[in-house]
Amino acid sequence: MEVTGIITALVIGLVIGILGRVVAPGRQNIPLWLTLLVGVLAALVGTAIAAALGVAATAGIDWLELIIQVALAAVGVSVVAGIYHNRKSKTDKVKDAFKS
């Protein structure tokens, strides 16, 4: 894979991740790099699922593939936000314990 392909994958992953954040209910307090990571993973897994279903290679824009990717990103962002929030709150509790 060339550098332009990697950059393109990162940009598409960021867009998919941001769309996933928009679609996911509630507020997600996760950093941008984590949104990017979830978006890239959702794009890759969504493409694999679309290929397995036979909807990846269509003429024009692959709307079904995009819907699958965004849905996966929404689920991924929600799960990661919950994990990230719980990890962060546990870290805060440990820090508070050492302040006393």
PDB file of N, CA and C in Angstrom:
ATOM      1  N   MET A   1       0.850  -1.172   0.000  1.00  0.00           N
ATOM      2  CA  MET A   1       0.000   0.000   0.000  1.00  0.00           C
ATOM      3  C   MET A   1       0.895   1.234   0.000  1.00  0.00           C
ATOM      4  N   GLU A   2       0.546   2.188  -0.815  1.00  0.00           N
ATOM      5  CA  GLU A   2       1.318   3.423  -0.914  1.00  0.00           C
ATOM      6  C   GLU A   2       0.899   4.408   0.174  1.00  0.00           C
ATOM      7  N   VAL A   3       1.694   5.456   0.323  1.00  0.00           N
ATOM      8  CA  VAL A   3       1.422   6.475   1.334  1.00  0.00           C
ATOM      9  C   VAL A   3       0.066   7.133   1.078  1.00  0.00           C
ATOM     10  N   THR A   4      -0.255   7.395  -0.173  1.00  0.00           N
ATOM     11  CA  THR A   4      -1.550   8.023  -0.471  1.00  0.00           C
ATOM     12  C   THR A   4      -2.710   7.112  -0.085  1.00  0.00           C
ATOM     13  N   GLY A   5      -2.538   5.808  -0.243  1.00  0.00           N
ATOM     14  CA  GLY A   5      -3.574   4.855   0.161  1.00  0.00           C
ATOM     15  C   GLY A   5      -3.776   4.856   1.666  1.00  0.00           C
ATOM     16  N   ILE A   6      -2.684   4.959   2.417  1.00  0.00           N
ATOM     17  CA  ILE A   6      -2.774   5.003   3.877  1.00  0.00           C
ATOM     18  C   ILE A   6      -3.458   6.286   4.317  1.00  0.00           C
ATOM     19  N   ILE A   7      -3.074   7.407   3.716  1.00  0.00           N
ATOM     20  CA  ILE A   7      -3.682   8.692   4.054  1.00  0.00           C
ATOM     21  C   ILE A   7      -5.173   8.672   3.713  1.00  0.00           C
ATOM     22  N   THR A   8      -5.513   8.117   2.574  1.00  0.00           N
ATOM     23  CA  THR A   8      -6.923   8.018   2.170  1.00  0.00           C
ATOM     24  C   THR A   8      -7.703   7.161   3.161  1.00  0.00           C
ATOM     25  N   ALA A   9      -7.131   6.040   3.587  1.00  0.00           N
ATOM     26  CA  ALA A   9      -7.800   5.168   4.557  1.00  0.00           C
ATOM     27  C   ALA A   9      -8.014   5.896   5.881  1.00  0.00           C
ATOM     28  N   LEU A  10      -7.038   6.691   6.308  1.00  0.00           N
ATOM     29  CA  LEU A  10      -7.181   7.441   7.552  1.00  0.00           C
ATOM     30  C   LEU A  10      -8.274   8.505   7.445  1.00  0.00           C
ATOM     31  N   VAL A  11      -8.316   9.198   6.306  1.00  0.00           N
ATOM     32  CA  VAL A  11      -9.342  10.234   6.116  1.00  0.00           C
ATOM     33  C   VAL A  11     -10.730   9.605   6.078  1.00  0.00           C
ATOM     34  N   ILE A  12     -10.872   8.517   5.336  1.00  0.00           N
ATOM     35  CA  ILE A  12     -12.165   7.833   5.267  1.00  0.00           C
ATOM     36  C   ILE A  12     -12.541   7.282   6.642  1.00  0.00           C
ATOM     37  N   GLY A  13     -11.566   6.730   7.357  1.00  0.00           N
ATOM     38  CA  GLY A  13     -11.825   6.234   8.707  1.00  0.00           C
ATOM     39  C   GLY A  13     -12.266   7.335   9.646  1.00  0.00           C
ATOM     40  N   LEU A  14     -11.668   8.514   9.519  1.00  0.00           N
ATOM     41  CA  LEU A  14     -12.068   9.643  10.353  1.00  0.00           C
ATOM     42  C   LEU A  14     -13.495  10.065  10.035  1.00  0.00           C
ATOM     43  N   VAL A  15     -13.829  10.125   8.756  1.00  0.00           N
ATOM     44  CA  VAL A  15     -15.194  10.498   8.353  1.00  0.00           C
ATOM     45  C   VAL A  15     -16.193   9.466   8.859  1.00  0.00           C
ATOM     46  N   ILE A  16     -15.883   8.189   8.700  1.00  0.00           N
ATOM     47  CA  ILE A  16     -16.768   7.127   9.182  1.00  0.00           C
ATOM     48  C   ILE A  16     -16.902   7.214  10.701  1.00  0.00           C
ATOM     49  N   GLY A  17     -15.799   7.461  11.405  1.00  0.00           N
ATOM     50  CA  GLY A  17     -15.840   7.591  12.860  1.00  0.00           C
ATOM     51  C   GLY A  17     -16.681   8.767  13.310  1.00  0.00           C
ATOM     52  N   ILE A  18     -16.537   9.905  12.640  1.00  0.00           N
ATOM     53  CA  ILE A  18     -17.325  11.090  12.986  1.00  0.00           C
ATOM     54  C   ILE A  18     -18.807  10.840  12.702  1.00  0.00           C
ATOM     55  N   LEU A  19     -19.108  10.204  11.567  1.00  0.00           N
ATOM     56  CA  LEU A  19     -20.499   9.859  11.283  1.00  0.00           C
ATOM     57  C   LEU A  19     -21.049   8.903  12.346  1.00  0.00           C
ATOM     58  N   GLY A  20     -20.210   7.985  12.788  1.00  0.00           N
ATOM     59  CA  GLY A  20     -20.618   7.073  13.858  1.00  0.00           C
ATOM     60  C   GLY A  20     -20.910   7.812  15.148  1.00  0.00           C
ATOM     61  N   ARG A  21     -20.099   8.832  15.461  1.00  0.00           N
ATOM     62  CA  ARG A  21     -20.339   9.638  16.664  1.00  0.00           C
ATOM     63  C   ARG A  21     -21.648  10.413  16.551  1.00  0.00           C
ATOM     64  N   VAL A  22     -21.936  10.899  15.346  1.00  0.00           N
ATOM     65  CA  VAL A  22     -23.173  11.659  15.130  1.00  0.00           C
ATOM     66  C   VAL A  22     -24.389  10.751  15.291  1.00  0.00           C
ATOM     67  N   VAL A  23     -24.299   9.531  14.778  1.00  0.00           N
ATOM     68  CA  VAL A  23     -25.421   8.599  14.815  1.00  0.00           C
ATOM     69  C   VAL A  23     -25.605   7.995  16.209  1.00  0.00           C
ATOM     70  N   ALA A  24     -24.513   7.802  16.943  1.00  0.00           N
ATOM     71  CA  ALA A  24     -24.586   7.174  18.267  1.00  0.00           C
ATOM     72  C   ALA A  24     -25.342   8.080  19.236  1.00  0.00           C
ATOM     73  N   PRO A  25     -26.215   7.491  20.031  1.00  0.00           N
ATOM     74  CA  PRO A  25     -26.977   8.311  20.985  1.00  0.00           C
ATOM     75  C   PRO A  25     -26.105   8.781  22.148  1.00  0.00           C
ATOM     76  N   GLY A  26     -26.447   9.928  22.701  1.00  0.00           N
ATOM     77  CA  GLY A  26     -25.734  10.448  23.858  1.00  0.00           C
ATOM     78  C   GLY A  26     -24.452  11.167  23.481  1.00  0.00           C
ATOM     79  N   ARG A  27     -23.718  11.561  24.520  1.00  0.00           N
ATOM     80  CA  ARG A  27     -22.461  12.286  24.314  1.00  0.00           C
ATOM     81  C   ARG A  27     -21.292  11.324  24.513  1.00  0.00           C
ATOM     82  N   GLN A  28     -20.351  11.370  23.607  1.00  0.00           N
ATOM     83  CA  GLN A  28     -19.183  10.510  23.684  1.00  0.00           C
ATOM     84  C   GLN A  28     -17.957  11.368  23.997  1.00  0.00           C
ATOM     85  N   ASN A  29     -17.403  11.184  25.177  1.00  0.00           N
ATOM     86  CA  ASN A  29     -16.203  11.929  25.564  1.00  0.00           C
ATOM     87  C   ASN A  29     -14.963  11.087  25.296  1.00  0.00           C
ATOM     88  N   ILE A  30     -14.667  10.905  24.019  1.00  0.00           N
ATOM     89  CA  ILE A  30     -13.460  10.174  23.645  1.00  0.00           C
ATOM     90  C   ILE A  30     -12.625  11.081  22.748  1.00  0.00           C
ATOM     91  N   PRO A  31     -11.309  10.896  22.770  1.00  0.00           N
ATOM     92  CA  PRO A  31     -10.446  11.753  21.950  1.00  0.00           C
ATOM     93  C   PRO A  31     -10.602  11.464  20.455  1.00  0.00           C
ATOM     94  N   LEU A  32     -10.139  12.415  19.666  1.00  0.00           N
ATOM     95  CA  LEU A  32     -10.244  12.304  18.210  1.00  0.00           C
ATOM     96  C   LEU A  32      -9.483  11.098  17.675  1.00  0.00           C
ATOM     97  N   TRP A  33      -8.315  10.796  18.264  1.00  0.00           N
ATOM     98  CA  TRP A  33      -7.533   9.662  17.761  1.00  0.00           C
ATOM     99  C   TRP A  33      -8.291   8.349  17.970  1.00  0.00           C
ATOM    100  N   LEU A  34      -9.087   8.264  19.042  1.00  0.00           N
ATOM    101  CA  LEU A  34      -9.859   7.052  19.290  1.00  0.00           C
ATOM    102  C   LEU A  34     -11.038   6.954  18.321  1.00  0.00           C
ATOM    103  N   THR A  35     -11.617   8.099  17.990  1.00  0.00           N
ATOM    104  CA  THR A  35     -12.670   8.136  16.969  1.00  0.00           C
ATOM    105  C   THR A  35     -12.112   7.673  15.628  1.00  0.00           C
ATOM    106  N   LEU A  36     -10.907   8.128  15.292  1.00  0.00           N
ATOM    107  CA  LEU A  36     -10.242   7.722  14.054  1.00  0.00           C
ATOM    108  C   LEU A  36     -10.007   6.218  14.039  1.00  0.00           C
ATOM    109  N   LEU A  37      -9.514   5.683  15.140  1.00  0.00           N
ATOM    110  CA  LEU A  37      -9.244   4.247  15.220  1.00  0.00           C
ATOM    111  C   LEU A  37     -10.524   3.430  15.053  1.00  0.00           C
ATOM    112  N   VAL A  38     -11.581   3.834  15.738  1.00  0.00           N
ATOM    113  CA  VAL A  38     -12.870   3.139  15.616  1.00  0.00           C
ATOM    114  C   VAL A  38     -13.387   3.246  14.184  1.00  0.00           C
ATOM    115  N   GLY A  39     -13.245   4.423  13.571  1.00  0.00           N
ATOM    116  CA  GLY A  39     -13.708   4.622  12.194  1.00  0.00           C
ATOM    117  C   GLY A  39     -12.969   3.756  11.195  1.00  0.00           C
ATOM    118  N   VAL A  40     -11.647   3.664  11.345  1.00  0.00           N
ATOM    119  CA  VAL A  40     -10.851   2.831  10.430  1.00  0.00           C
ATOM    120  C   VAL A  40     -11.242   1.364  10.592  1.00  0.00           C
ATOM    121  N   LEU A  41     -11.353   0.909  11.840  1.00  0.00           N
ATOM    122  CA  LEU A  41     -11.751  -0.484  12.073  1.00  0.00           C
ATOM    123  C   LEU A  41     -13.158  -0.759  11.548  1.00  0.00           C
ATOM    124  N   ALA A  42     -14.081   0.184  11.758  1.00  0.00           N
ATOM    125  CA  ALA A  42     -15.444   0.009  11.254  1.00  0.00           C
ATOM    126  C   ALA A  42     -15.471  -0.022   9.731  1.00  0.00           C
ATOM    127  N   ALA A  43     -14.640   0.800   9.109  1.00  0.00           N
ATOM    128  CA  ALA A  43     -14.580   0.811   7.640  1.00  0.00           C
ATOM    129  C   ALA A  43     -14.056  -0.520   7.113  1.00  0.00           C
ATOM    130  N   LEU A  44     -13.015  -1.054   7.755  1.00  0.00           N
ATOM    131  CA  LEU A  44     -12.452  -2.335   7.306  1.00  0.00           C
ATOM    132  C   LEU A  44     -13.429  -3.490   7.523  1.00  0.00           C
ATOM    133  N   VAL A  45     -14.001  -3.559   8.720  1.00  0.00           N
ATOM    134  CA  VAL A  45     -14.942  -4.650   9.022  1.00  0.00           C
ATOM    135  C   VAL A  45     -16.216  -4.499   8.184  1.00  0.00           C
ATOM    136  N   GLY A  46     -16.682  -3.264   8.019  1.00  0.00           N
ATOM    137  CA  GLY A  46     -17.871  -3.025   7.204  1.00  0.00           C
ATOM    138  C   GLY A  46     -17.674  -3.428   5.757  1.00  0.00           C
ATOM    139  N   THR A  47     -16.488  -3.162   5.233  1.00  0.00           N
ATOM    140  CA  THR A  47     -16.180  -3.579   3.866  1.00  0.00           C
ATOM    141  C   THR A  47     -16.168  -5.097   3.752  1.00  0.00           C
ATOM    142  N   ALA A  48     -15.598  -5.780   4.743  1.00  0.00           N
ATOM    143  CA  ALA A  48     -15.564  -7.245   4.726  1.00  0.00           C
ATOM    144  C   ALA A  48     -16.980  -7.821   4.798  1.00  0.00           C
ATOM    145  N   ILE A  49     -17.821  -7.244   5.662  1.00  0.00           N
ATOM    146  CA  ILE A  49     -19.206  -7.720   5.779  1.00  0.00           C
ATOM    147  C   ILE A  49     -19.968  -7.473   4.483  1.00  0.00           C
ATOM    148  N   ALA A  50     -19.773  -6.281   3.899  1.00  0.00           N
ATOM    149  CA  ALA A  50     -20.453  -5.973   2.636  1.00  0.00           C
ATOM    150  C   ALA A  50     -20.011  -6.916   1.529  1.00  0.00           C
ATOM    151  N   ALA A  51     -18.726  -7.244   1.503  1.00  0.00           N
ATOM    152  CA  ALA A  51     -18.224  -8.185   0.494  1.00  0.00           C
ATOM    153  C   ALA A  51     -18.820  -9.574   0.707  1.00  0.00           C
ATOM    154  N   ALA A  52     -18.939  -9.991   1.970  1.00  0.00           N
ATOM    155  CA  ALA A  52     -19.519 -11.305   2.266  1.00  0.00           C
ATOM    156  C   ALA A  52     -20.998 -11.367   1.884  1.00  0.00           C
ATOM    157  N   LEU A  53     -21.678 -10.221   2.011  1.00  0.00           N
ATOM    158  CA  LEU A  53     -23.095 -10.161   1.633  1.00  0.00           C
ATOM    159  C   LEU A  53     -23.290  -9.940   0.135  1.00  0.00           C
ATOM    160  N   GLY A  54     -22.215  -9.626  -0.556  1.00  0.00           N
ATOM    161  CA  GLY A  54     -22.297  -9.412  -1.997  1.00  0.00           C
ATOM    162  C   GLY A  54     -22.780  -8.033  -2.400  1.00  0.00           C
ATOM    163  N   VAL A  55     -22.660  -7.050  -1.508  1.00  0.00           N
ATOM    164  CA  VAL A  55     -23.124  -5.695  -1.831  1.00  0.00           C
ATOM    165  C   VAL A  55     -21.978  -4.692  -1.942  1.00  0.00           C
ATOM    166  N   ALA A  56     -20.736  -5.173  -1.898  1.00  0.00           N
ATOM    167  CA  ALA A  56     -19.595  -4.256  -1.909  1.00  0.00           C
ATOM    168  C   ALA A  56     -19.297  -3.716  -3.302  1.00  0.00           C
ATOM    169  N   ALA A  57     -19.532  -4.502  -4.323  1.00  0.00           N
ATOM    170  CA  ALA A  57     -19.191  -4.089  -5.684  1.00  0.00           C
ATOM    171  C   ALA A  57     -20.463  -3.726  -6.450  1.00  0.00           C
ATOM    172  N   THR A  58     -20.848  -2.466  -6.344  1.00  0.00           N
ATOM    173  CA  THR A  58     -22.018  -1.992  -7.075  1.00  0.00           C
ATOM    174  C   THR A  58     -21.604  -0.800  -7.926  1.00  0.00           C
ATOM    175  N   ALA A  59     -22.429  -0.468  -8.884  1.00  0.00           N
ATOM    176  CA  ALA A  59     -22.149   0.698  -9.716  1.00  0.00           C
ATOM    177  C   ALA A  59     -22.467   1.964  -8.926  1.00  0.00           C
ATOM    178  N   GLY A  60     -21.564   2.916  -8.937  1.00  0.00           N
ATOM    179  CA  GLY A  60     -21.798   4.171  -8.216  1.00  0.00           C
ATOM    180  C   GLY A  60     -21.386   4.074  -6.768  1.00  0.00           C
ATOM    181  N   ILE A  61     -22.061   4.826  -5.933  1.00  0.00           N
ATOM    182  CA  ILE A  61     -21.755   4.849  -4.507  1.00  0.00           C
ATOM    183  C   ILE A  61     -22.344   3.610  -3.849  1.00  0.00           C
ATOM    184  N   ASP A  62     -21.546   2.970  -3.039  1.00  0.00           N
ATOM    185  CA  ASP A  62     -21.988   1.768  -2.334  1.00  0.00           C
ATOM    186  C   ASP A  62     -22.724   2.174  -1.052  1.00  0.00           C
ATOM    187  N   TRP A  63     -23.989   2.510  -1.187  1.00  0.00           N
ATOM    188  CA  TRP A  63     -24.762   3.013  -0.055  1.00  0.00           C
ATOM    189  C   TRP A  63     -24.916   1.979   1.035  1.00  0.00           C
ATOM    190  N   LEU A  64     -25.178   0.727   0.661  1.00  0.00           N
ATOM    191  CA  LEU A  64     -25.338  -0.317   1.676  1.00  0.00           C
ATOM    192  C   LEU A  64     -24.043  -0.538   2.453  1.00  0.00           C
ATOM    193  N   GLU A  65     -22.928  -0.513   1.755  1.00  0.00           N
ATOM    194  CA  GLU A  65     -21.634  -0.662   2.428  1.00  0.00           C
ATOM    195  C   GLU A  65     -21.396   0.505   3.390  1.00  0.00           C
ATOM    196  N   LEU A  66     -21.722   1.709   2.954  1.00  0.00           N
ATOM    197  CA  LEU A  66     -21.553   2.890   3.796  1.00  0.00           C
ATOM    198  C   LEU A  66     -22.453   2.817   5.029  1.00  0.00           C
ATOM    199  N   ILE A  67     -23.679   2.361   4.856  1.00  0.00           N
ATOM    200  CA  ILE A  67     -24.603   2.217   5.994  1.00  0.00           C
ATOM    201  C   ILE A  67     -24.065   1.198   6.994  1.00  0.00           C
ATOM    202  N   ILE A  68     -23.538   0.095   6.492  1.00  0.00           N
ATOM    203  CA  ILE A  68     -22.957  -0.930   7.364  1.00  0.00           C
ATOM    204  C   ILE A  68     -21.770  -0.348   8.134  1.00  0.00           C
ATOM    205  N   GLN A  69     -20.902   0.390   7.443  1.00  0.00           N
ATOM    206  CA  GLN A  69     -19.727   0.979   8.089  1.00  0.00           C
ATOM    207  C   GLN A  69     -20.120   1.988   9.164  1.00  0.00           C
ATOM    208  N   VAL A  70     -21.062   2.855   8.857  1.00  0.00           N
ATOM    209  CA  VAL A  70     -21.487   3.874   9.825  1.00  0.00           C
ATOM    210  C   VAL A  70     -22.180   3.214  11.021  1.00  0.00           C
ATOM    211  N   ALA A  71     -22.982   2.187  10.777  1.00  0.00           N
ATOM    212  CA  ALA A  71     -23.641   1.480  11.884  1.00  0.00           C
ATOM    213  C   ALA A  71     -22.605   0.824  12.789  1.00  0.00           C
ATOM    214  N   LEU A  72     -21.612   0.193  12.194  1.00  0.00           N
ATOM    215  CA  LEU A  72     -20.538  -0.405  12.987  1.00  0.00           C
ATOM    216  C   LEU A  72     -19.769   0.660  13.761  1.00  0.00           C
ATOM    217  N   ALA A  73     -19.519   1.803  13.129  1.00  0.00           N
ATOM    218  CA  ALA A  73     -18.811   2.886  13.807  1.00  0.00           C
ATOM    219  C   ALA A  73     -19.635   3.421  14.977  1.00  0.00           C
ATOM    220  N   ALA A  74     -20.950   3.539  14.803  1.00  0.00           N
ATOM    221  CA  ALA A  74     -21.817   4.017  15.890  1.00  0.00           C
ATOM    222  C   ALA A  74     -21.768   3.058  17.073  1.00  0.00           C
ATOM    223  N   VAL A  75     -21.861   1.780  16.792  1.00  0.00           N
ATOM    224  CA  VAL A  75     -21.769   0.782  17.857  1.00  0.00           C
ATOM    225  C   VAL A  75     -20.383   0.827  18.494  1.00  0.00           C
ATOM    226  N   GLY A  76     -19.356   0.893  17.657  1.00  0.00           N
ATOM    227  CA  GLY A  76     -17.984   0.938  18.166  1.00  0.00           C
ATOM    228  C   GLY A  76     -17.712   2.159  19.018  1.00  0.00           C
ATOM    229  N   VAL A  77     -18.167   3.328  18.576  1.00  0.00           N
ATOM    230  CA  VAL A  77     -17.973   4.563  19.340  1.00  0.00           C
ATOM    231  C   VAL A  77     -18.702   4.468  20.677  1.00  0.00           C
ATOM    232  N   SER A  78     -19.907   3.933  20.681  1.00  0.00           N
ATOM    233  CA  SER A  78     -20.662   3.797  21.926  1.00  0.00           C
ATOM    234  C   SER A  78     -19.960   2.866  22.912  1.00  0.00           C
ATOM    235  N   VAL A  79     -19.483   1.738  22.416  1.00  0.00           N
ATOM    236  CA  VAL A  79     -18.786   0.775  23.278  1.00  0.00           C
ATOM    237  C   VAL A  79     -17.484   1.374  23.808  1.00  0.00           C
ATOM    238  N   VAL A  80     -16.707   1.967  22.919  1.00  0.00           N
ATOM    239  CA  VAL A  80     -15.419   2.550  23.322  1.00  0.00           C
ATOM    240  C   VAL A  80     -15.628   3.723  24.280  1.00  0.00           C
ATOM    241  N   ALA A  81     -16.651   4.526  24.059  1.00  0.00           N
ATOM    242  CA  ALA A  81     -16.925   5.649  24.960  1.00  0.00           C
ATOM    243  C   ALA A  81     -17.251   5.143  26.357  1.00  0.00           C
ATOM    244  N   GLY A  82     -18.017   4.066  26.454  1.00  0.00           N
ATOM    245  CA  GLY A  82     -18.328   3.480  27.758  1.00  0.00           C
ATOM    246  C   GLY A  82     -17.096   2.935  28.446  1.00  0.00           C
ATOM    247  N   ILE A  83     -16.269   2.239  27.696  1.00  0.00           N
ATOM    248  CA  ILE A  83     -15.027   1.686  28.260  1.00  0.00           C
ATOM    249  C   ILE A  83     -14.081   2.812  28.655  1.00  0.00           C
ATOM    250  N   TYR A  84     -13.934   3.793  27.798  1.00  0.00           N
ATOM    251  CA  TYR A  84     -13.030   4.916  28.058  1.00  0.00           C
ATOM    252  C   TYR A  84     -13.495   5.706  29.279  1.00  0.00           C
ATOM    253  N   HIS A  85     -14.797   5.922  29.398  1.00  0.00           N
ATOM    254  CA  HIS A  85     -15.346   6.660  30.541  1.00  0.00           C
ATOM    255  C   HIS A  85     -15.104   5.891  31.839  1.00  0.00           C
ATOM    256  N   ASN A  86     -15.367   4.573  31.830  1.00  0.00           N
ATOM    257  CA  ASN A  86     -15.161   3.762  33.030  1.00  0.00           C
ATOM    258  C   ASN A  86     -13.694   3.719  33.425  1.00  0.00           C
ATOM    259  N   ARG A  87     -12.811   3.604  32.450  1.00  0.00           N
ATOM    260  CA  ARG A  87     -11.376   3.567  32.740  1.00  0.00           C
ATOM    261  C   ARG A  87     -10.927   4.900  33.316  1.00  0.00           C
ATOM    262  N   LYS A  88     -11.439   5.970  32.743  1.00  0.00           N
ATOM    263  CA  LYS A  88     -11.066   7.302  33.198  1.00  0.00           C
ATOM    264  C   LYS A  88     -11.581   7.559  34.616  1.00  0.00           C
ATOM    265  N   SER A  89     -12.809   7.131  34.911  1.00  0.00           N
ATOM    266  CA  SER A  89     -13.357   7.366  36.248  1.00  0.00           C
ATOM    267  C   SER A  89     -12.622   6.530  37.292  1.00  0.00           C
ATOM    268  N   LYS A  90     -12.178   5.326  36.948  1.00  0.00           N
ATOM    269  CA  LYS A  90     -11.396   4.506  37.875  1.00  0.00           C
ATOM    270  C   LYS A  90     -10.042   5.153  38.147  1.00  0.00           C
ATOM    271  N   THR A  91      -9.429   5.728  37.108  1.00  0.00           N
ATOM    272  CA  THR A  91      -8.156   6.419  37.275  1.00  0.00           C
ATOM    273  C   THR A  91      -8.325   7.618  38.190  1.00  0.00           C
ATOM    274  N   ASP A  92      -9.420   8.351  38.039  1.00  0.00           N
ATOM    275  CA  ASP A  92      -9.685   9.497  38.894  1.00  0.00           C
ATOM    276  C   ASP A  92      -9.859   9.063  40.346  1.00  0.00           C
ATOM    277  N   LYS A  93     -10.522   7.927  40.580  1.00  0.00           N
ATOM    278  CA  LYS A  93     -10.705   7.432  41.942  1.00  0.00           C
ATOM    279  C   LYS A  93      -9.368   7.081  42.579  1.00  0.00           C
ATOM    280  N   VAL A  94      -8.467   6.486  41.807  1.00  0.00           N
ATOM    281  CA  VAL A  94      -7.146   6.148  42.323  1.00  0.00           C
ATOM    282  C   VAL A  94      -6.366   7.408  42.653  1.00  0.00           C
ATOM    283  N   LYS A  95      -6.431   8.397  41.774  1.00  0.00           N
ATOM    284  CA  LYS A  95      -5.751   9.672  42.030  1.00  0.00           C
ATOM    285  C   LYS A  95      -6.300  10.336  43.282  1.00  0.00           C
ATOM    286  N   ASP A  96      -7.620  10.308  43.465  1.00  0.00           N
ATOM    287  CA  ASP A  96      -8.244  10.909  44.644  1.00  0.00           C
ATOM    288  C   ASP A  96      -7.819  10.181  45.919  1.00  0.00           C
ATOM    289  N   ALA A  97      -7.629   8.862  45.848  1.00  0.00           N
ATOM    290  CA  ALA A  97      -7.216   8.098  47.016  1.00  0.00           C
ATOM    291  C   ALA A  97      -5.813   8.496  47.470  1.00  0.00           C
ATOM    292  N   PHE A  98      -4.940   8.854  46.541  1.00  0.00           N
ATOM    293  CA  PHE A  98      -3.582   9.231  46.892  1.00  0.00           C
ATOM    294  C   PHE A  98      -3.466  10.693  47.308  1.00  0.00           C
ATOM    295  N   LYS A  99      -4.495  11.487  47.063  1.00  0.00           N
ATOM    296  CA  LYS A  99      -4.473  12.891  47.473  1.00  0.00           C
ATOM    297  C   LYS A  99      -4.647  13.037  48.979  1.00  0.00           C
ATOM    298  N   SER A 100      -5.330  12.097  49.595  1.00  0.00           N
ATOM    299  CA  SER A 100      -5.641  12.214  51.033  1.00  0.00           C
ATOM    300  C   SER A 100      -4.420  12.039  51.902  1.00  0.00           C
TER     301      SER A 100
END
